[in-house]
C-alpha cells in the first residue's frame, strides 16, 4: 500500500464530490453513507467503512453485492482524484475476485487506484482489506473497473 502522501486539495475535492453525489444515489447512501475517506492523491483514494447488518449476507459475511458496489463506487472516486474531475463516466466492465470475508463490526479499508485515465476510457483497480490493529489486514476482495469517461 505504499504511495505518495495524501494531498489535502485532492482529498477536499473527493470529499466535496462525495457530499454532492451521495444524496443523489439511494444505493450509495444506504450502503456507503458512513464511509470516511482517509487518503487521496493523484488517481488514488482510500476510505474506511464499519460493516453493519446492512452489509452482510445470510452467513454473516460481507455480501458480494456490497463488494461489487464498493468496486464500482471507488473506481469513480479514483478517477475524480486523477485530475479533480466531476464527471467520472459510466461503467463498461467490472470484475471482482472474492478472497476472504469480513463480518458485522469489522472495519474495511478500501483502496481505489486509477491505473489509466484517457480521453475516452479509464481503468481502475480496487482492493478491500479487513482492518486489523488499525492497519490493512487480510484482503477481502479485489476488483477492476473500466469506465467510459468521454461524456
Protein backbone atom coordinates (compact mmCIF):
# COMPACT_ATOMS: atom_id res chain seq x y z
CA UNK A 1 0.00 0.00 0.00
CA UNK A 2 2.94 2.36 -0.38
CA UNK A 3 2.05 5.58 -2.13
CA UNK A 4 2.72 9.26 -2.12
CA UNK A 5 1.40 11.26 0.84
CA UNK A 6 -2.21 12.34 0.86
CA UNK A 7 -2.82 15.61 -0.96
CA UNK A 8 -5.10 17.96 1.00
CA UNK A 9 -6.50 19.62 -2.14
CA UNK A 10 -7.34 16.32 -3.85
CA UNK A 11 -8.82 14.93 -0.62
CA UNK A 12 -11.01 18.04 -0.26
CA UNK A 13 -12.15 17.66 -3.90
CA UNK A 14 -13.02 13.98 -3.42
CA UNK A 15 -14.89 14.67 -0.17
CA UNK A 16 -16.84 17.52 -1.77
CA UNK A 17 -17.62 15.39 -4.82
CA UNK A 18 -18.96 12.67 -2.48
CA UNK A 19 -21.01 15.18 -0.48
CA UNK A 20 -22.74 16.29 -3.69
CA UNK A 21 -23.23 12.81 -5.19
CA UNK A 22 -24.21 10.79 -2.10
CA UNK A 23 -27.72 12.31 -1.78
CA UNK A 24 -28.35 11.55 -5.47
CA UNK A 25 -27.80 7.80 -5.09
CA UNK A 26 -30.06 5.86 -2.72
CA UNK A 27 -27.88 2.73 -3.10
CA UNK A 28 -24.64 4.53 -2.26
CA UNK A 29 -26.36 6.45 0.52
CA UNK A 30 -27.68 3.22 2.07
CA UNK A 31 -24.55 1.08 1.75
CA UNK A 32 -21.79 3.69 1.93
CA UNK A 33 -23.38 6.53 3.87
CA UNK A 34 -20.83 6.19 6.70
CA UNK A 35 -17.71 5.72 4.55
CA UNK A 36 -14.81 8.00 5.50
CA UNK A 37 -12.05 9.00 3.10
CA UNK A 38 -8.60 8.66 4.67
CA UNK A 39 -6.31 9.43 1.73
CA UNK A 40 -6.35 11.00 -1.71
CA UNK A 41 -3.54 11.66 -4.14
CA UNK A 42 -3.40 11.70 -7.95
CA UNK A 43 -5.53 8.75 -9.04
CA UNK A 44 -5.60 7.10 -5.62
CA UNK A 45 -8.19 7.16 -2.86
CA UNK A 46 -8.56 5.23 0.37
CA UNK A 47 -11.54 5.03 2.67
CA UNK A 48 -12.79 3.04 5.64
CA UNK A 49 -16.19 1.62 6.39
CA UNK A 50 -17.54 -0.07 9.53
CA UNK A 51 -19.63 -3.08 8.48
CA UNK A 52 -23.18 -3.31 9.86
CA UNK A 53 -26.06 -5.75 9.41
CA UNK A 54 -26.84 -3.96 6.14
CA UNK A 55 -23.54 -5.14 4.62
CA UNK A 56 -23.62 -8.88 5.29
CA UNK A 57 -25.21 -11.96 3.76
CA UNK A 58 -27.22 -14.70 5.49
CA UNK A 59 -23.96 -16.34 6.64
CA UNK A 60 -22.80 -13.14 8.35
CA UNK A 61 -20.03 -12.27 5.88
CA UNK A 62 -19.75 -9.19 3.68
CA UNK A 63 -22.24 -9.61 0.86
CA UNK A 64 -20.82 -9.99 -2.64
CA UNK A 65 -23.09 -7.24 -3.88
CA UNK A 66 -21.62 -4.86 -1.29
CA UNK A 67 -18.11 -5.64 -2.51
CA UNK A 68 -19.27 -5.10 -6.10
CA UNK A 69 -20.85 -1.78 -5.17
CA UNK A 70 -17.61 -0.71 -3.48
CA UNK A 71 -15.55 -1.56 -6.59
CA UNK A 72 -17.98 0.46 -8.71
CA UNK A 73 -18.02 3.38 -6.30
CA UNK A 74 -14.32 3.69 -5.53
CA UNK A 75 -13.33 3.43 -9.19
CA UNK A 76 -15.21 6.65 -9.86
CA UNK A 77 -13.52 8.41 -6.95
CA UNK A 78 -10.08 7.28 -8.11
CA UNK A 79 -10.89 8.83 -11.49
CA UNK A 80 -12.07 12.03 -9.76
CA UNK A 81 -8.75 12.10 -7.90
CA UNK A 82 -6.83 11.77 -11.18
CA UNK A 83 -7.39 15.40 -12.19
CA UNK A 84 -10.13 16.76 -9.89
CA UNK A 85 -12.85 15.99 -12.42
CA UNK A 86 -16.53 15.98 -11.51
CA UNK A 87 -17.72 13.67 -14.30
CA UNK A 88 -16.34 10.17 -13.90
CA UNK A 89 -18.19 8.34 -16.65
CA UNK A 90 -20.24 5.17 -16.82
CA UNK A 91 -19.26 1.58 -16.17
CA UNK A 92 -18.46 -0.69 -19.09
CA UNK A 93 -16.92 -3.61 -17.23
CA UNK A 94 -16.42 -4.76 -13.63
CA UNK A 95 -14.55 -7.83 -12.38
CA UNK A 96 -14.36 -8.93 -8.75
CA UNK A 97 -12.42 -11.68 -7.01
CA UNK A 98 -13.71 -12.65 -3.58
CA UNK A 99 -10.77 -13.80 -1.45
CA UNK A 100 -11.85 -13.84 2.19
CA UNK A 101 -14.56 -12.25 4.29
CA UNK A 102 -15.37 -9.66 6.93
CA UNK A 103 -18.31 -9.55 9.35
CA UNK A 104 -20.50 -7.14 11.28
CA UNK A 105 -18.33 -4.93 13.46
CA UNK A 106 -15.26 -5.26 11.22
CA UNK A 107 -13.85 -2.18 9.56
CA UNK A 108 -12.75 -2.50 5.97
CA UNK A 109 -10.09 -0.46 4.19
CA UNK A 110 -10.95 0.38 0.59
CA UNK A 111 -8.37 1.46 -1.97
CA UNK A 112 -9.22 2.64 -5.46
CA UNK A 113 -6.50 3.32 -7.99
CA UNK A 114 -6.90 4.88 -11.44
CA UNK A 115 -4.37 2.93 -13.46
CA UNK A 116 -5.01 4.89 -16.65
CA UNK A 117 -7.38 7.74 -17.48
CA UNK A 118 -7.58 8.60 -21.14
CA UNK A 119 -9.83 10.78 -23.26
CA UNK A 120 -12.41 8.01 -23.71
CA UNK A 121 -11.76 5.19 -21.25
CA UNK A 122 -10.48 4.86 -17.68
CA UNK A 123 -9.18 1.73 -15.98
CA UNK A 124 -9.23 1.33 -12.23
CA UNK A 125 -8.39 -1.31 -9.64
CA UNK A 126 -9.70 -1.78 -6.14
CA UNK A 127 -8.57 -3.69 -3.08
CA UNK A 128 -10.70 -4.22 0.01
CA UNK A 129 -8.91 -5.29 3.20
CA UNK A 130 -10.19 -6.14 6.65
CA UNK A 131 -8.60 -3.73 9.13
CA UNK A 132 -6.62 -5.46 11.89
CA UNK A 133 -4.84 -3.45 14.60
CA UNK A 134 -5.68 -0.23 12.71
CA UNK A 135 -3.90 -1.30 9.51
CA UNK A 136 -4.80 -3.25 6.40
CA UNK A 137 -5.01 -6.96 7.18
CA UNK A 138 -6.27 -9.83 5.04
CA UNK A 139 -7.53 -8.99 1.55
CA UNK A 140 -11.30 -9.45 1.33
CA UNK A 141 -11.75 -8.74 -2.38
CA UNK A 142 -10.03 -7.22 -5.38
CA UNK A 143 -11.61 -5.76 -8.46
CA UNK A 144 -11.07 -3.98 -11.72
CA UNK A 145 -13.41 -1.45 -13.24
CA UNK A 146 -13.47 0.08 -16.71
CA UNK A 147 -15.39 3.29 -17.35
CA UNK A 148 -16.32 5.25 -20.44
CA UNK A 149 -15.31 8.79 -19.47
CA UNK A 150 -15.94 10.79 -22.63
CA UNK A 151 -19.22 12.35 -21.55
